[in-house]
Amino acid sequence: MNAGQMPQTCRRRSERDVVSLAGSAFGVARSRSVIISDLSQEGAQLDARDLPPAGEDLCLVVGSFDAMARVAWRAGDKCGVEFDETLSEEIMVQLKRDAEWMKVAGWYR
């Protein structure tokens, strides 16, 4: 590290799990198919084309699960979202179970 440089720290408040979940993100202007590639109770990373810019609100839908979120950052075909409400442990268990099923079904990256 060069003199004067600060070490890079992780700003995430909670640990994320690597998953592969197919879903949809509905924004004000349009909807898009997305892959959720990591997930925590407070947010997720989405992979897709033409993702919305930082600050945009969206509704994320995966199967019977849906949650409102706001785009925190975007870089190319990836963006990070913060959920409006923290996900319960029960929802996390269900989504991780769904991700395992999708991996078995061939939906892995």
PDB file of N, CA and C in Angstrom:
ATOM      1  N   MET A   1       0.849  -1.165   0.000  1.00  0.00           N
ATOM      2  CA  MET A   1       0.000   0.000   0.000  1.00  0.00           C
ATOM      3  C   MET A   1       0.897   1.231   0.000  1.00  0.00           C
ATOM      4  N   ASN A   2       0.587   2.223  -0.839  1.00  0.00           N
ATOM      5  CA  ASN A   2       1.361   3.455  -0.903  1.00  0.00           C
ATOM      6  C   ASN A   2       1.099   4.306   0.320  1.00  0.00           C
ATOM      7  N   ALA A   3       2.065   5.119   0.674  1.00  0.00           N
ATOM      8  CA  ALA A   3       1.892   6.027   1.810  1.00  0.00           C
ATOM      9  C   ALA A   3       0.709   6.937   1.536  1.00  0.00           C
ATOM     10  N   GLY A   4      -0.092   7.172   2.541  1.00  0.00           N
ATOM     11  CA  GLY A   4      -1.253   8.047   2.404  1.00  0.00           C
ATOM     12  C   GLY A   4      -2.517   7.341   1.962  1.00  0.00           C
ATOM     13  N   GLN A   5      -2.403   6.085   1.527  1.00  0.00           N
ATOM     14  CA  GLN A   5      -3.592   5.344   1.114  1.00  0.00           C
ATOM     15  C   GLN A   5      -4.211   4.664   2.316  1.00  0.00           C
ATOM     16  N   MET A   6      -5.506   4.724   2.390  1.00  0.00           N
ATOM     17  CA  MET A   6      -6.242   4.062   3.461  1.00  0.00           C
ATOM     18  C   MET A   6      -6.581   2.654   3.014  1.00  0.00           C
ATOM     19  N   PRO A   7      -6.556   1.679   3.925  1.00  0.00           N
ATOM     20  CA  PRO A   7      -6.973   0.327   3.537  1.00  0.00           C
ATOM     21  C   PRO A   7      -8.448   0.323   3.170  1.00  0.00           C
ATOM     22  N   GLN A   8      -8.794  -0.476   2.166  1.00  0.00           N
ATOM     23  CA  GLN A   8     -10.174  -0.569   1.724  1.00  0.00           C
ATOM     24  C   GLN A   8     -10.959  -1.428   2.702  1.00  0.00           C
ATOM     25  N   THR A   9     -12.093  -0.934   3.141  1.00  0.00           N
ATOM     26  CA  THR A   9     -12.929  -1.684   4.073  1.00  0.00           C
ATOM     27  C   THR A   9     -14.258  -2.001   3.435  1.00  0.00           C
ATOM     28  N   CYS A  10     -14.875  -3.037   3.903  1.00  0.00           N
ATOM     29  CA  CYS A  10     -16.188  -3.455   3.411  1.00  0.00           C
ATOM     30  C   CYS A  10     -17.251  -2.640   4.128  1.00  0.00           C
ATOM     31  N   ARG A  11     -18.164  -2.040   3.377  1.00  0.00           N
ATOM     32  CA  ARG A  11     -19.216  -1.225   3.975  1.00  0.00           C
ATOM     33  C   ARG A  11     -20.480  -2.026   4.278  1.00  0.00           C
ATOM     34  N   ARG A  12     -20.490  -3.288   3.961  1.00  0.00           N
ATOM     35  CA  ARG A  12     -21.673  -4.108   4.202  1.00  0.00           C
ATOM     36  C   ARG A  12     -21.881  -4.293   5.690  1.00  0.00           C
ATOM     37  N   ARG A  13     -23.136  -4.176   6.106  1.00  0.00           N
ATOM     38  CA  ARG A  13     -23.472  -4.355   7.513  1.00  0.00           C
ATOM     39  C   ARG A  13     -23.720  -5.805   7.864  1.00  0.00           C
ATOM     40  N   SER A  14     -23.983  -6.643   6.869  1.00  0.00           N
ATOM     41  CA  SER A  14     -24.239  -8.050   7.150  1.00  0.00           C
ATOM     42  C   SER A  14     -23.557  -8.917   6.103  1.00  0.00           C
ATOM     43  N   GLU A  15     -23.254 -10.138   6.492  1.00  0.00           N
ATOM     44  CA  GLU A  15     -22.586 -11.099   5.614  1.00  0.00           C
ATOM     45  C   GLU A  15     -23.522 -11.520   4.490  1.00  0.00           C
ATOM     46  N   ARG A  16     -22.989 -11.640   3.284  1.00  0.00           N
ATOM     47  CA  ARG A  16     -23.798 -12.073   2.146  1.00  0.00           C
ATOM     48  C   ARG A  16     -23.467 -13.502   1.782  1.00  0.00           C
ATOM     49  N   ASP A  17     -24.476 -14.218   1.288  1.00  0.00           N
ATOM     50  CA  ASP A  17     -24.322 -15.585   0.818  1.00  0.00           C
ATOM     51  C   ASP A  17     -24.337 -15.579  -0.701  1.00  0.00           C
ATOM     52  N   VAL A  18     -23.441 -16.344  -1.307  1.00  0.00           N
ATOM     53  CA  VAL A  18     -23.430 -16.496  -2.760  1.00  0.00           C
ATOM     54  C   VAL A  18     -24.596 -17.402  -3.132  1.00  0.00           C
ATOM     55  N   VAL A  19     -25.446 -16.919  -4.037  1.00  0.00           N
ATOM     56  CA  VAL A  19     -26.614 -17.673  -4.498  1.00  0.00           C
ATOM     57  C   VAL A  19     -26.735 -17.480  -6.001  1.00  0.00           C
ATOM     58  N   SER A  20     -27.645 -18.178  -6.605  1.00  0.00           N
ATOM     59  CA  SER A  20     -28.004 -17.967  -7.997  1.00  0.00           C
ATOM     60  C   SER A  20     -29.508 -18.137  -8.100  1.00  0.00           C
ATOM     61  N   LEU A  21     -30.205 -17.008  -8.076  1.00  0.00           N
ATOM     62  CA  LEU A  21     -31.667 -17.014  -8.104  1.00  0.00           C
ATOM     63  C   LEU A  21     -32.158 -16.193  -9.287  1.00  0.00           C
ATOM     64  N   ALA A  22     -33.005 -16.769 -10.120  1.00  0.00           N
ATOM     65  CA  ALA A  22     -33.621 -16.038 -11.222  1.00  0.00           C
ATOM     66  C   ALA A  22     -34.799 -15.256 -10.678  1.00  0.00           C
ATOM     67  N   GLY A  23     -34.938 -14.016 -11.121  1.00  0.00           N
ATOM     68  CA  GLY A  23     -36.041 -13.189 -10.658  1.00  0.00           C
ATOM     69  C   GLY A  23     -36.330 -12.077 -11.639  1.00  0.00           C
ATOM     70  N   SER A  24     -37.171 -11.155 -11.200  1.00  0.00           N
ATOM     71  CA  SER A  24     -37.522  -9.980 -11.989  1.00  0.00           C
ATOM     72  C   SER A  24     -37.388  -8.751 -11.115  1.00  0.00           C
ATOM     73  N   ALA A  25     -36.988  -7.646 -11.732  1.00  0.00           N
ATOM     74  CA  ALA A  25     -36.905  -6.368 -11.044  1.00  0.00           C
ATOM     75  C   ALA A  25     -37.819  -5.396 -11.784  1.00  0.00           C
ATOM     76  N   PHE A  26     -38.821  -4.913 -11.092  1.00  0.00           N
ATOM     77  CA  PHE A  26     -39.790  -4.003 -11.688  1.00  0.00           C
ATOM     78  C   PHE A  26     -39.489  -2.587 -11.221  1.00  0.00           C
ATOM     79  N   GLY A  27     -39.177  -1.714 -12.181  1.00  0.00           N
ATOM     80  CA  GLY A  27     -38.912  -0.314 -11.879  1.00  0.00           C
ATOM     81  C   GLY A  27     -40.044   0.552 -12.375  1.00  0.00           C
ATOM     82  N   VAL A  28     -39.884   1.841 -12.220  1.00  0.00           N
ATOM     83  CA  VAL A  28     -40.902   2.786 -12.665  1.00  0.00           C
ATOM     84  C   VAL A  28     -41.077   2.725 -14.175  1.00  0.00           C
ATOM     85  N   ALA A  29     -39.969   2.671 -14.899  1.00  0.00           N
ATOM     86  CA  ALA A  29     -40.031   2.742 -16.360  1.00  0.00           C
ATOM     87  C   ALA A  29     -40.174   1.382 -17.035  1.00  0.00           C
ATOM     88  N   ARG A  30     -39.659   0.320 -16.396  1.00  0.00           N
ATOM     89  CA  ARG A  30     -39.688  -0.978 -17.063  1.00  0.00           C
ATOM     90  C   ARG A  30     -39.341  -2.096 -16.103  1.00  0.00           C
ATOM     91  N   SER A  31     -39.493  -3.325 -16.595  1.00  0.00           N
ATOM     92  CA  SER A  31     -39.081  -4.491 -15.819  1.00  0.00           C
ATOM     93  C   SER A  31     -37.934  -5.172 -16.548  1.00  0.00           C
ATOM     94  N   ARG A  32     -37.193  -5.999 -15.812  1.00  0.00           N
ATOM     95  CA  ARG A  32     -36.072  -6.718 -16.404  1.00  0.00           C
ATOM     96  C   ARG A  32     -35.887  -8.028 -15.665  1.00  0.00           C
ATOM     97  N   SER A  33     -35.403  -9.040 -16.383  1.00  0.00           N
ATOM     98  CA  SER A  33     -35.034 -10.310 -15.761  1.00  0.00           C
ATOM     99  C   SER A  33     -33.666 -10.134 -15.125  1.00  0.00           C
ATOM    100  N   VAL A  34     -33.496 -10.692 -13.915  1.00  0.00           N
ATOM    101  CA  VAL A  34     -32.235 -10.550 -13.188  1.00  0.00           C
ATOM    102  C   VAL A  34     -31.832 -11.891 -12.586  1.00  0.00           C
ATOM    103  N   ILE A  35     -30.558 -11.985 -12.253  1.00  0.00           N
ATOM    104  CA  ILE A  35     -30.037 -13.080 -11.442  1.00  0.00           C
ATOM    105  C   ILE A  35     -29.529 -12.452 -10.155  1.00  0.00           C
ATOM    106  N   ILE A  36     -29.999 -12.954  -9.031  1.00  0.00           N
ATOM    107  CA  ILE A  36     -29.477 -12.516  -7.745  1.00  0.00           C
ATOM    108  C   ILE A  36     -28.248 -13.376  -7.479  1.00  0.00           C
ATOM    109  N   SER A  37     -27.080 -12.732  -7.385  1.00  0.00           N
ATOM    110  CA  SER A  37     -25.843 -13.501  -7.253  1.00  0.00           C
ATOM    111  C   SER A  37     -25.285 -13.507  -5.836  1.00  0.00           C
ATOM    112  N   ASP A  38     -25.719 -12.585  -5.000  1.00  0.00           N
ATOM    113  CA  ASP A  38     -25.436 -12.711  -3.574  1.00  0.00           C
ATOM    114  C   ASP A  38     -26.556 -12.026  -2.805  1.00  0.00           C
ATOM    115  N   LEU A  39     -26.723 -12.463  -1.566  1.00  0.00           N
ATOM    116  CA  LEU A  39     -27.916 -12.099  -0.812  1.00  0.00           C
ATOM    117  C   LEU A  39     -27.597 -11.986   0.670  1.00  0.00           C
ATOM    118  N   SER A  40     -28.156 -10.961   1.295  1.00  0.00           N
ATOM    119  CA  SER A  40     -28.110 -10.832   2.750  1.00  0.00           C
ATOM    120  C   SER A  40     -29.491 -10.381   3.207  1.00  0.00           C
ATOM    121  N   GLN A  41     -29.668 -10.263   4.496  1.00  0.00           N
ATOM    122  CA  GLN A  41     -30.955  -9.805   5.010  1.00  0.00           C
ATOM    123  C   GLN A  41     -31.206  -8.345   4.669  1.00  0.00           C
ATOM    124  N   GLU A  42     -30.156  -7.606   4.326  1.00  0.00           N
ATOM    125  CA  GLU A  42     -30.288  -6.173   4.062  1.00  0.00           C
ATOM    126  C   GLU A  42     -30.155  -5.784   2.599  1.00  0.00           C
ATOM    127  N   GLY A  43     -29.658  -6.697   1.748  1.00  0.00           N
ATOM    128  CA  GLY A  43     -29.465  -6.333   0.354  1.00  0.00           C
ATOM    129  C   GLY A  43     -29.040  -7.499  -0.507  1.00  0.00           C
ATOM    130  N   ALA A  44     -28.792  -7.189  -1.771  1.00  0.00           N
ATOM    131  CA  ALA A  44     -28.422  -8.228  -2.732  1.00  0.00           C
ATOM    132  C   ALA A  44     -27.647  -7.611  -3.886  1.00  0.00           C
ATOM    133  N   GLN A  45     -26.955  -8.469  -4.625  1.00  0.00           N
ATOM    134  CA  GLN A  45     -26.334  -8.051  -5.880  1.00  0.00           C
ATOM    135  C   GLN A  45     -27.150  -8.654  -7.005  1.00  0.00           C
ATOM    136  N   LEU A  46     -27.473  -7.835  -7.996  1.00  0.00           N
ATOM    137  CA  LEU A  46     -28.222  -8.283  -9.167  1.00  0.00           C
ATOM    138  C   LEU A  46     -27.313  -8.249 -10.381  1.00  0.00           C
ATOM    139  N   ASP A  47     -27.462  -9.251 -11.249  1.00  0.00           N
ATOM    140  CA  ASP A  47     -26.737  -9.310 -12.512  1.00  0.00           C
ATOM    141  C   ASP A  47     -27.778  -9.275 -13.623  1.00  0.00           C
ATOM    142  N   ALA A  48     -27.618  -8.350 -14.573  1.00  0.00           N
ATOM    143  CA  ALA A  48     -28.546  -8.246 -15.699  1.00  0.00           C
ATOM    144  C   ALA A  48     -28.053  -7.176 -16.664  1.00  0.00           C
ATOM    145  N   ARG A  49     -28.658  -7.121 -17.819  1.00  0.00           N
ATOM    146  CA  ARG A  49     -28.382  -6.050 -18.769  1.00  0.00           C
ATOM    147  C   ARG A  49     -29.280  -4.866 -18.459  1.00  0.00           C
ATOM    148  N   ASP A  50     -28.788  -3.687 -18.756  1.00  0.00           N
ATOM    149  CA  ASP A  50     -29.572  -2.456 -18.663  1.00  0.00           C
ATOM    150  C   ASP A  50     -30.198  -2.272 -17.274  1.00  0.00           C
ATOM    151  N   LEU A  51     -29.376  -2.390 -16.252  1.00  0.00           N
ATOM    152  CA  LEU A  51     -29.852  -2.224 -14.875  1.00  0.00           C
ATOM    153  C   LEU A  51     -30.141  -0.751 -14.590  1.00  0.00           C
ATOM    154  N   PRO A  52     -31.002  -0.476 -13.619  1.00  0.00           N
ATOM    155  CA  PRO A  52     -31.327   0.914 -13.303  1.00  0.00           C
ATOM    156  C   PRO A  52     -30.159   1.615 -12.602  1.00  0.00           C
ATOM    157  N   PRO A  53     -30.153   2.940 -12.625  1.00  0.00           N
ATOM    158  CA  PRO A  53     -29.075   3.693 -11.979  1.00  0.00           C
ATOM    159  C   PRO A  53     -29.240   3.734 -10.460  1.00  0.00           C
ATOM    160  N   ALA A  54     -28.172   4.096  -9.779  1.00  0.00           N
ATOM    161  CA  ALA A  54     -28.212   4.261  -8.323  1.00  0.00           C
ATOM    162  C   ALA A  54     -29.314   5.244  -7.953  1.00  0.00           C
ATOM    163  N   GLY A  55     -30.014   4.923  -6.873  1.00  0.00           N
ATOM    164  CA  GLY A  55     -31.093   5.781  -6.381  1.00  0.00           C
ATOM    165  C   GLY A  55     -32.475   5.377  -6.837  1.00  0.00           C
ATOM    166  N   GLU A  56     -32.566   4.519  -7.853  1.00  0.00           N
ATOM    167  CA  GLU A  56     -33.884   4.119  -8.360  1.00  0.00           C
ATOM    168  C   GLU A  56     -34.498   3.046  -7.464  1.00  0.00           C
ATOM    169  N   ASP A  57     -35.791   3.176  -7.227  1.00  0.00           N
ATOM    170  CA  ASP A  57     -36.540   2.175  -6.468  1.00  0.00           C
ATOM    171  C   ASP A  57     -37.002   1.075  -7.401  1.00  0.00           C
ATOM    172  N   LEU A  58     -37.082  -0.150  -6.872  1.00  0.00           N
ATOM    173  CA  LEU A  58     -37.611  -1.256  -7.664  1.00  0.00           C
ATOM    174  C   LEU A  58     -38.254  -2.296  -6.751  1.00  0.00           C
ATOM    175  N   CYS A  59     -39.060  -3.131  -7.360  1.00  0.00           N
ATOM    176  CA  CYS A  59     -39.666  -4.259  -6.666  1.00  0.00           C
ATOM    177  C   CYS A  59     -38.983  -5.508  -7.208  1.00  0.00           C
ATOM    178  N   LEU A  60     -38.346  -6.254  -6.326  1.00  0.00           N
ATOM    179  CA  LEU A  60     -37.640  -7.473  -6.691  1.00  0.00           C
ATOM    180  C   LEU A  60     -38.550  -8.661  -6.421  1.00  0.00           C
ATOM    181  N   VAL A  61     -38.741  -9.524  -7.428  1.00  0.00           N
ATOM    182  CA  VAL A  61     -39.629 -10.673  -7.303  1.00  0.00           C
ATOM    183  C   VAL A  61     -38.860 -11.944  -7.655  1.00  0.00           C
ATOM    184  N   VAL A  62     -38.909 -12.926  -6.741  1.00  0.00           N
ATOM    185  CA  VAL A  62     -38.328 -14.249  -6.958  1.00  0.00           C
ATOM    186  C   VAL A  62     -39.376 -15.251  -6.492  1.00  0.00           C
ATOM    187  N   GLY A  63     -39.990 -15.954  -7.435  1.00  0.00           N
ATOM    188  CA  GLY A  63     -41.061 -16.890  -7.070  1.00  0.00           C
ATOM    189  C   GLY A  63     -42.167 -16.171  -6.325  1.00  0.00           C
ATOM    190  N   SER A  64     -42.508 -16.655  -5.130  1.00  0.00           N
ATOM    191  CA  SER A  64     -43.571 -16.023  -4.339  1.00  0.00           C
ATOM    192  C   SER A  64     -43.044 -14.908  -3.438  1.00  0.00           C
ATOM    193  N   PHE A  65     -41.732 -14.674  -3.437  1.00  0.00           N
ATOM    194  CA  PHE A  65     -41.109 -13.626  -2.623  1.00  0.00           C
ATOM    195  C   PHE A  65     -41.061 -12.318  -3.402  1.00  0.00           C
ATOM    196  N   ASP A  66     -41.370 -11.221  -2.734  1.00  0.00           N
ATOM    197  CA  ASP A  66     -41.151  -9.903  -3.331  1.00  0.00           C
ATOM    198  C   ASP A  66     -40.735  -8.931  -2.240  1.00  0.00           C
ATOM    199  N   ALA A  67     -39.933  -7.945  -2.633  1.00  0.00           N
ATOM    200  CA  ALA A  67     -39.455  -6.939  -1.689  1.00  0.00           C
ATOM    201  C   ALA A  67     -39.162  -5.649  -2.437  1.00  0.00           C
ATOM    202  N   MET A  68     -39.415  -4.538  -1.791  1.00  0.00           N
ATOM    203  CA  MET A  68     -39.043  -3.241  -2.329  1.00  0.00           C
ATOM    204  C   MET A  68     -37.580  -2.986  -1.973  1.00  0.00           C
ATOM    205  N   ALA A  69     -36.874  -2.350  -2.900  1.00  0.00           N
ATOM    206  CA  ALA A  69     -35.444  -2.089  -2.703  1.00  0.00           C
ATOM    207  C   ALA A  69     -35.062  -0.815  -3.443  1.00  0.00           C
ATOM    208  N   ARG A  70     -33.890  -0.316  -3.104  1.00  0.00           N
ATOM    209  CA  ARG A  70     -33.334   0.853  -3.786  1.00  0.00           C
ATOM    210  C   ARG A  70     -31.944   0.489  -4.290  1.00  0.00           C
ATOM    211  N   VAL A  71     -31.632   0.880  -5.517  1.00  0.00           N
ATOM    212  CA  VAL A  71     -30.312   0.614  -6.090  1.00  0.00           C
ATOM    213  C   VAL A  71     -29.291   1.494  -5.369  1.00  0.00           C
ATOM    214  N   ALA A  72     -28.284   0.847  -4.768  1.00  0.00           N
ATOM    215  CA  ALA A  72     -27.241   1.565  -4.034  1.00  0.00           C
ATOM    216  C   ALA A  72     -26.071   1.919  -4.950  1.00  0.00           C
ATOM    217  N   TRP A  73     -25.748   1.030  -5.891  1.00  0.00           N
ATOM    218  CA  TRP A  73     -24.655   1.255  -6.831  1.00  0.00           C
ATOM    219  C   TRP A  73     -24.901   0.444  -8.092  1.00  0.00           C
ATOM    220  N   ARG A  74     -24.247   0.842  -9.159  1.00  0.00           N
ATOM    221  CA  ARG A  74     -24.316   0.104 -10.420  1.00  0.00           C
ATOM    222  C   ARG A  74     -22.966   0.184 -11.111  1.00  0.00           C
ATOM    223  N   ALA A  75     -22.493  -0.950 -11.622  1.00  0.00           N
ATOM    224  CA  ALA A  75     -21.253  -1.020 -12.388  1.00  0.00           C
ATOM    225  C   ALA A  75     -21.449  -2.034 -13.503  1.00  0.00           C
ATOM    226  N   GLY A  76     -21.637  -1.563 -14.719  1.00  0.00           N
ATOM    227  CA  GLY A  76     -21.836  -2.450 -15.863  1.00  0.00           C
ATOM    228  C   GLY A  76     -23.101  -3.275 -15.712  1.00  0.00           C
ATOM    229  N   ASP A  77     -22.948  -4.602 -15.775  1.00  0.00           N
ATOM    230  CA  ASP A  77     -24.094  -5.507 -15.694  1.00  0.00           C
ATOM    231  C   ASP A  77     -24.359  -5.997 -14.272  1.00  0.00           C
ATOM    232  N   LYS A  78     -23.930  -5.231 -13.266  1.00  0.00           N
ATOM    233  CA  LYS A  78     -24.153  -5.589 -11.866  1.00  0.00           C
ATOM    234  C   LYS A  78     -24.631  -4.359 -11.101  1.00  0.00           C
ATOM    235  N   CYS A  79     -25.458  -4.601 -10.096  1.00  0.00           N
ATOM    236  CA  CYS A  79     -25.827  -3.512  -9.199  1.00  0.00           C
ATOM    237  C   CYS A  79     -26.100  -4.091  -7.823  1.00  0.00           C
ATOM    238  N   GLY A  80     -25.970  -3.248  -6.833  1.00  0.00           N
ATOM    239  CA  GLY A  80     -26.285  -3.627  -5.465  1.00  0.00           C
ATOM    240  C   GLY A  80     -27.558  -2.926  -5.036  1.00  0.00           C
ATOM    241  N   VAL A  81     -28.435  -3.665  -4.368  1.00  0.00           N
ATOM    242  CA  VAL A  81     -29.677  -3.068  -3.872  1.00  0.00           C
ATOM    243  C   VAL A  81     -29.758  -3.232  -2.359  1.00  0.00           C
ATOM    244  N   GLU A  82     -30.406  -2.263  -1.726  1.00  0.00           N
ATOM    245  CA  GLU A  82     -30.683  -2.324  -0.296  1.00  0.00           C
ATOM    246  C   GLU A  82     -32.189  -2.481  -0.134  1.00  0.00           C
ATOM    247  N   PHE A  83     -32.602  -3.502   0.613  1.00  0.00           N
ATOM    248  CA  PHE A  83     -34.025  -3.735   0.837  1.00  0.00           C
ATOM    249  C   PHE A  83     -34.602  -2.662   1.754  1.00  0.00           C
ATOM    250  N   ASP A  84     -35.854  -2.283   1.500  1.00  0.00           N
ATOM    251  CA  ASP A  84     -36.526  -1.310   2.364  1.00  0.00           C
ATOM    252  C   ASP A  84     -36.729  -1.869   3.763  1.00  0.00           C
ATOM    253  N   GLU A  85     -36.991  -3.170   3.850  1.00  0.00           N
ATOM    254  CA  GLU A  85     -37.165  -3.839   5.140  1.00  0.00           C
ATOM    255  C   GLU A  85     -36.237  -5.042   5.201  1.00  0.00           C
ATOM    256  N   THR A  86     -35.590  -5.234   6.341  1.00  0.00           N
ATOM    257  CA  THR A  86     -34.687  -6.367   6.532  1.00  0.00           C
ATOM    258  C   THR A  86     -35.458  -7.669   6.348  1.00  0.00           C
ATOM    259  N   LEU A  87     -34.851  -8.614   5.612  1.00  0.00           N
ATOM    260  CA  LEU A  87     -35.497  -9.908   5.387  1.00  0.00           C
ATOM    261  C   LEU A  87     -35.412 -10.749   6.656  1.00  0.00           C
ATOM    262  N   SER A  88     -36.477 -11.474   6.930  1.00  0.00           N
ATOM    263  CA  SER A  88     -36.494 -12.358   8.100  1.00  0.00           C
ATOM    264  C   SER A  88     -35.597 -13.571   7.846  1.00  0.00           C
ATOM    265  N   GLU A  89     -35.195 -14.209   8.918  1.00  0.00           N
ATOM    266  CA  GLU A  89     -34.387 -15.431   8.802  1.00  0.00           C
ATOM    267  C   GLU A  89     -35.164 -16.506   8.040  1.00  0.00           C
ATOM    268  N   GLU A  90     -36.476 -16.568   8.244  1.00  0.00           N
ATOM    269  CA  GLU A  90     -37.327 -17.542   7.550  1.00  0.00           C
ATOM    270  C   GLU A  90     -37.281 -17.331   6.033  1.00  0.00           C
ATOM    271  N   ILE A  91     -37.351 -16.082   5.598  1.00  0.00           N
ATOM    272  CA  ILE A  91     -37.287 -15.788   4.159  1.00  0.00           C
ATOM    273  C   ILE A  91     -35.909 -16.135   3.616  1.00  0.00           C
ATOM    274  N   MET A  92     -34.858 -15.817   4.373  1.00  0.00           N
ATOM    275  CA  MET A  92     -33.492 -16.151   3.941  1.00  0.00           C
ATOM    276  C   MET A  92     -33.337 -17.660   3.740  1.00  0.00           C
ATOM    277  N   VAL A  93     -33.844 -18.450   4.678  1.00  0.00           N
ATOM    278  CA  VAL A  93     -33.759 -19.913   4.567  1.00  0.00           C
ATOM    279  C   VAL A  93     -34.486 -20.380   3.304  1.00  0.00           C
ATOM    280  N   GLN A  94     -35.669 -19.839   3.050  1.00  0.00           N
ATOM    281  CA  GLN A  94     -36.433 -20.238   1.869  1.00  0.00           C
ATOM    282  C   GLN A  94     -35.706 -19.865   0.578  1.00  0.00           C
ATOM    283  N   LEU A  95     -35.158 -18.651   0.509  1.00  0.00           N
ATOM    284  CA  LEU A  95     -34.456 -18.228  -0.697  1.00  0.00           C
ATOM    285  C   LEU A  95     -33.194 -19.054  -0.930  1.00  0.00           C
ATOM    286  N   LYS A  96     -32.468 -19.383   0.130  1.00  0.00           N
ATOM    287  CA  LYS A  96     -31.276 -20.233  -0.018  1.00  0.00           C
ATOM    288  C   LYS A  96     -31.671 -21.632  -0.480  1.00  0.00           C
ATOM    289  N   ARG A  97     -32.795 -22.134   0.017  1.00  0.00           N
ATOM    290  CA  ARG A  97     -33.304 -23.444  -0.421  1.00  0.00           C
ATOM    291  C   ARG A  97     -33.659 -23.381  -1.910  1.00  0.00           C
ATOM    292  N   ASP A  98     -34.319 -22.296  -2.329  1.00  0.00           N
ATOM    293  CA  ASP A  98     -34.660 -22.121  -3.744  1.00  0.00           C
ATOM    294  C   ASP A  98     -33.398 -22.047  -4.601  1.00  0.00           C
ATOM    295  N   ALA A  99     -32.355 -21.376  -4.093  1.00  0.00           N
ATOM    296  CA  ALA A  99     -31.103 -21.260  -4.835  1.00  0.00           C
ATOM    297  C   ALA A  99     -30.449 -22.627  -5.006  1.00  0.00           C
ATOM    298  N   GLU A 100     -30.491 -23.462  -3.977  1.00  0.00           N
ATOM    299  CA  GLU A 100     -29.940 -24.821  -4.091  1.00  0.00           C
ATOM    300  C   GLU A 100     -30.703 -25.614  -5.137  1.00  0.00           C
ATOM    301  N   TRP A 101     -32.026 -25.482  -5.153  1.00  0.00           N
ATOM    302  CA  TRP A 101     -32.832 -26.172  -6.153  1.00  0.00           C
ATOM    303  C   TRP A 101     -32.468 -25.698  -7.553  1.00  0.00           C
ATOM    304  N   MET A 102     -32.281 -24.393  -7.724  1.00  0.00           N
ATOM    305  CA  MET A 102     -31.932 -23.863  -9.050  1.00  0.00           C
ATOM    306  C   MET A 102     -30.567 -24.377  -9.487  1.00  0.00           C
ATOM    307  N   LYS A 103     -29.637 -24.555  -8.543  1.00  0.00           N
ATOM    308  CA  LYS A 103     -28.318 -25.084  -8.882  1.00  0.00           C
ATOM    309  C   LYS A 103     -28.458 -26.521  -9.398  1.00  0.00           C
ATOM    310  N   VAL A 104     -29.273 -27.319  -8.710  1.00  0.00           N
ATOM    311  CA  VAL A 104     -29.505 -28.702  -9.134  1.00  0.00           C
ATOM    312  C   VAL A 104     -30.180 -28.737 -10.497  1.00  0.00           C
ATOM    313  N   ALA A 105     -31.081 -27.775 -10.749  1.00  0.00           N
ATOM    314  CA  ALA A 105     -31.819 -27.731 -12.012  1.00  0.00           C
ATOM    315  C   ALA A 105     -30.981 -27.160 -13.155  1.00  0.00           C
ATOM    316  N   GLY A 106     -29.746 -26.716 -12.855  1.00  0.00           N
ATOM    317  CA  GLY A 106     -28.881 -26.215 -13.919  1.00  0.00           C
ATOM    318  C   GLY A 106     -28.842 -24.719 -14.083  1.00  0.00           C
ATOM    319  N   TRP A 107     -29.279 -23.947 -13.094  1.00  0.00           N
ATOM    320  CA  TRP A 107     -29.302 -22.506 -13.169  1.00  0.00           C
ATOM    321  C   TRP A 107     -28.055 -21.863 -12.574  1.00  0.00           C
ATOM    322  N   TYR A 108     -26.983 -22.617 -12.421  1.00  0.00           N
ATOM    323  CA  TYR A 108     -25.782 -22.031 -11.826  1.00  0.00           C
ATOM    324  C   TYR A 108     -25.021 -21.215 -12.862  1.00  0.00           C
ATOM    325  N   ARG A 109     -24.194 -20.292 -12.328  1.00  0.00           N
ATOM    326  CA  ARG A 109     -23.427 -19.382 -13.186  1.00  0.00           C
ATOM    327  C   ARG A 109     -22.132 -20.023 -13.602  1.00  0.00           C
TER     328      ARG A 109
END
